[in-house]
Amino acid sequence: MSFIFMVFHWPEPDKRQALAQSMREMGKGLAGTAGCVGVEPPYFTEEGDCLVGISKWVSKDAFFASGITLRPSDEVIPGETRPRARYLLQEAEAVSAR
């Protein structure tokens, strides 16, 4: 089974590059973490107002064992314009049909 953590950030325009750099640095740190398969570089959406972070893990348990803590879903982080959208994605074959 594999697991993907995907997060959408909406930074203030003057904070975009700094956030992208911060995400790159976090990715480098996570890359050596047990259970982490890989961390993608941050991606901008076509409109350029949203940064997307993607990391792949061997399992959801491995992701949470890494020490990552998720902020409240309605929290707006300083330097961002709205709450982050987070997706905890499991491989389709590993999830039973609903």
Protein backbone atom coordinates (compact mmCIF):
# COMPACT_ATOMS: atom_id res chain seq x y z
CA MET A 1 0.00 0.00 0.00
CA SER A 2 1.15 3.54 -0.61
CA PHE A 3 0.02 6.84 0.83
CA ILE A 4 0.25 10.41 -0.44
CA PHE A 5 -0.01 13.60 1.58
CA MET A 6 -1.01 16.53 -0.60
CA VAL A 7 -1.40 20.07 0.71
CA PHE A 8 -2.54 23.24 -1.03
CA HIS A 9 -1.23 26.60 0.22
CA TRP A 10 -2.53 30.02 -0.84
CA PRO A 11 0.33 32.40 0.03
CA GLU A 12 0.11 36.16 -0.08
CA PRO A 13 1.65 37.30 -3.40
CA ASP A 14 4.81 38.66 -1.77
CA LYS A 15 5.27 35.43 0.22
CA ARG A 16 5.08 32.92 -2.65
CA GLN A 17 8.78 32.45 -3.30
CA ALA A 18 9.66 32.30 0.40
CA LEU A 19 7.00 29.65 0.98
CA ALA A 20 8.21 27.65 -2.03
CA GLN A 21 11.75 27.74 -0.64
CA SER A 22 10.52 26.69 2.80
CA MET A 23 8.65 23.77 1.21
CA ARG A 24 11.81 22.69 -0.66
CA GLU A 25 13.78 22.73 2.60
CA MET A 26 11.10 20.74 4.40
CA GLY A 27 11.12 18.24 1.54
CA LYS A 28 14.87 17.74 1.85
CA GLY A 29 14.44 17.05 5.55
CA LEU A 30 11.61 14.59 5.01
CA ALA A 31 13.43 12.73 2.23
CA GLY A 32 15.57 10.87 4.75
CA THR A 33 12.69 10.04 7.09
CA ALA A 34 11.79 6.40 7.63
CA GLY A 35 8.80 5.48 5.50
CA CYS A 36 9.12 8.45 3.13
CA VAL A 37 9.28 7.27 -0.48
CA GLY A 38 9.78 10.74 -1.94
CA VAL A 39 8.91 14.41 -1.81
CA GLU A 40 8.02 16.37 -4.93
CA PRO A 41 9.19 19.95 -5.39
CA PRO A 42 6.44 22.49 -4.72
CA TYR A 43 4.19 23.14 -7.69
CA PHE A 44 2.34 26.35 -8.59
CA THR A 45 -1.14 26.03 -10.06
CA GLU A 46 -1.68 27.50 -13.51
CA GLU A 47 -3.03 30.71 -11.96
CA GLY A 48 0.10 30.97 -9.79
CA ASP A 49 -1.81 31.71 -6.60
CA CYS A 50 -1.63 28.25 -5.05
CA LEU A 51 1.40 26.15 -4.11
CA VAL A 52 0.94 22.39 -3.94
CA GLY A 53 3.11 20.08 -1.86
CA ILE A 54 3.16 16.33 -2.42
CA SER A 55 4.93 13.63 -0.44
CA LYS A 56 4.67 9.87 -0.89
CA TRP A 57 4.91 7.39 1.98
CA VAL A 58 4.87 3.64 2.39
CA SER A 59 1.73 4.00 4.53
CA LYS A 60 -0.47 6.44 6.42
CA ASP A 61 1.03 5.12 9.65
CA ALA A 62 4.54 5.92 8.40
CA PHE A 63 3.44 9.45 7.55
CA PHE A 64 2.11 10.12 11.04
CA ALA A 65 5.06 8.32 12.67
CA SER A 66 7.34 10.89 11.00
CA GLY A 67 6.34 13.46 13.60
CA ILE A 68 4.39 15.68 11.23
CA THR A 69 1.50 17.34 12.99
CA LEU A 70 -1.42 18.83 11.12
CA ARG A 71 -2.68 22.26 12.09
CA PRO A 72 -6.42 22.86 12.56
CA SER A 73 -8.18 22.70 9.19
CA ASP A 74 -9.71 26.18 9.60
CA GLU A 75 -6.48 27.93 10.61
CA VAL A 76 -5.09 30.64 8.33
CA ILE A 77 -1.31 30.67 8.68
CA PRO A 78 0.40 34.10 8.73
CA GLY A 79 1.50 34.88 5.17
CA GLU A 80 -1.30 32.82 3.62
CA THR A 81 -4.70 34.06 2.45
CA ARG A 82 -6.92 31.12 3.47
CA PRO A 83 -6.78 27.80 5.30
CA ARG A 84 -4.70 25.07 3.71
CA ALA A 85 -6.46 22.22 1.95
CA ARG A 86 -5.02 18.83 2.88
CA TYR A 87 -5.61 15.47 1.27
CA LEU A 88 -4.64 12.14 2.78
CA LEU A 89 -4.68 9.79 -0.21
CA GLN A 90 -4.45 6.03 -0.11
CA GLU A 91 -3.83 3.78 -3.08
CA ALA A 92 -7.20 2.85 -4.62
CA GLU A 93 -6.51 -0.90 -4.45
CA ALA A 94 -5.87 -0.60 -0.72
CA VAL A 95 -9.18 1.12 0.01
CA SER A 96 -12.36 -0.91 -0.03
CA ALA A 97 -15.19 0.39 -2.20
CA ARG A 98 -17.64 2.65 -0.42
